[in-house]
Amino acid sequence: MAADMKRPRADPEADAEGKETKRPRTDPSADAEGKEIWLTFTQMAQRMAFYAGVYKRGRFTIPLHEAREYGRQLPAAIGREHLHIEGGAMPRLLTPEVVRALVAEE
């Protein structure tokens, strides 16, 4: 009888309103190019990009040309952010906008 009382499992692909969402189909070559870009990131840069939501489910959430530029600027931004944190400030998510601002400060 307890088995009948179990709640149905939530669908991980459903949004907040319960509607089913599907990932858009993309060109496999774009996915491969995105993975190549991802592999050029250092481990720390990969972590920061993941935490900032720039890379989810094996794909970039920003256009690939922006991902390339983001990856190029991210190591410098991580260094600037480290100094920012050492000064007593709270850490920030290194989104593309924050990275551009940090690199522009140099």
Protein backbone atom coordinates (compact mmCIF):
# COMPACT_ATOMS: atom_id res chain seq x y z
CA MET A 1 0.00 0.00 0.00
CA ALA A 2 2.88 2.38 0.72
CA ALA A 3 4.09 1.88 -2.85
CA ASP A 4 0.79 3.32 -4.12
CA MET A 5 1.34 6.46 -2.04
CA LYS A 6 4.66 7.42 -3.64
CA ARG A 7 4.78 10.75 -5.38
CA PRO A 8 5.64 10.78 -9.07
CA ARG A 9 9.19 11.88 -9.71
CA ALA A 10 9.68 15.39 -11.02
CA ASP A 11 10.78 15.64 -14.61
CA PRO A 12 14.21 17.33 -14.69
CA GLU A 13 13.45 18.65 -18.18
CA ALA A 14 10.31 20.50 -17.00
CA ASP A 15 10.38 24.21 -16.26
CA ALA A 16 8.92 25.94 -13.18
CA GLU A 17 5.40 25.83 -14.60
CA GLY A 18 5.63 22.10 -15.18
CA LYS A 19 5.80 22.42 -18.95
CA GLU A 20 8.18 20.12 -20.73
CA THR A 21 11.18 21.86 -22.21
CA LYS A 22 13.46 20.39 -24.81
CA ARG A 23 16.95 21.40 -25.67
CA PRO A 24 17.11 22.96 -29.10
CA ARG A 25 18.83 20.88 -31.71
CA THR A 26 22.09 22.35 -32.82
CA ASP A 27 24.65 21.57 -35.43
CA PRO A 28 26.95 18.77 -34.17
CA SER A 29 29.96 20.62 -35.58
CA ALA A 30 29.07 23.62 -33.37
CA ASP A 31 28.96 21.30 -30.33
CA ALA A 32 32.37 19.91 -31.28
CA GLU A 33 33.78 23.42 -31.73
CA GLY A 34 32.37 24.41 -28.35
CA LYS A 35 34.05 21.43 -26.71
CA GLU A 36 37.35 22.36 -28.35
CA ILE A 37 37.05 25.88 -26.95
CA TRP A 38 36.14 24.46 -23.52
CA LEU A 39 39.25 22.29 -23.49
CA THR A 40 41.46 25.35 -24.01
CA PHE A 41 40.25 26.76 -20.67
CA THR A 42 42.36 26.04 -17.59
CA GLN A 43 40.67 24.01 -14.85
CA MET A 44 40.10 27.18 -12.77
CA ALA A 45 38.67 29.00 -15.80
CA GLN A 46 36.35 26.03 -16.47
CA ARG A 47 35.10 26.19 -12.88
CA MET A 48 34.48 29.94 -13.05
CA ALA A 49 32.67 29.62 -16.39
CA PHE A 50 30.52 26.79 -15.05
CA TYR A 51 29.62 28.68 -11.86
CA ALA A 52 28.75 31.78 -13.89
CA GLY A 53 26.39 29.74 -16.08
CA VAL A 54 28.42 30.26 -19.25
CA TYR A 55 28.77 26.50 -19.82
CA LYS A 56 25.91 24.14 -19.02
CA ARG A 57 25.14 20.58 -20.01
CA GLY A 58 28.18 20.34 -22.25
CA ARG A 59 27.41 23.52 -24.21
CA PHE A 60 28.19 27.20 -24.03
CA THR A 61 25.22 29.41 -23.25
CA ILE A 62 26.78 32.27 -25.17
CA PRO A 63 27.71 32.39 -28.87
CA LEU A 64 30.97 30.61 -29.69
CA HIS A 65 32.75 33.76 -30.87
CA GLU A 66 31.96 35.33 -27.46
CA ALA A 67 33.05 32.11 -25.69
CA ARG A 68 36.43 32.33 -27.41
CA GLU A 69 36.91 35.94 -26.29
CA TYR A 70 35.61 35.12 -22.79
CA GLY A 71 38.12 32.29 -22.50
CA ARG A 72 40.92 34.55 -23.63
CA GLN A 73 40.05 37.24 -21.06
CA LEU A 74 39.08 34.98 -18.16
CA PRO A 75 42.56 34.22 -16.72
CA ALA A 76 43.31 37.95 -16.35
CA ALA A 77 39.87 38.53 -14.83
CA ILE A 78 40.44 35.70 -12.33
CA GLY A 79 43.65 37.41 -11.21
CA ARG A 80 41.87 40.75 -10.81
CA GLU A 81 39.01 39.10 -8.93
CA HIS A 82 41.50 37.38 -6.61
CA LEU A 83 42.94 40.80 -5.69
CA HIS A 84 39.39 42.11 -5.23
CA ILE A 85 38.62 39.29 -2.77
CA GLU A 86 41.91 39.76 -0.90
CA GLY A 87 40.85 43.37 -0.32
CA GLY A 88 37.90 42.09 1.69
CA ALA A 89 35.20 42.19 -0.99
CA MET A 90 32.73 39.40 -1.66
CA PRO A 91 33.46 37.20 -4.69
CA ARG A 92 31.43 37.76 -7.85
CA LEU A 93 30.28 35.38 -10.54
CA LEU A 94 32.57 35.89 -13.50
CA THR A 95 29.91 36.38 -16.13
CA PRO A 96 30.98 37.71 -19.55
CA GLU A 97 29.91 41.22 -18.50
CA VAL A 98 31.95 41.12 -15.27
CA VAL A 99 34.97 39.69 -17.12
CA ARG A 100 34.81 42.48 -19.74
CA ALA A 101 34.59 45.10 -16.96
CA LEU A 102 37.52 43.60 -15.02
CA VAL A 103 39.72 43.42 -18.12
CA ALA A 104 38.74 47.00 -19.09
CA GLU A 105 39.97 48.23 -15.67
CA GLU A 106 43.55 47.18 -16.51
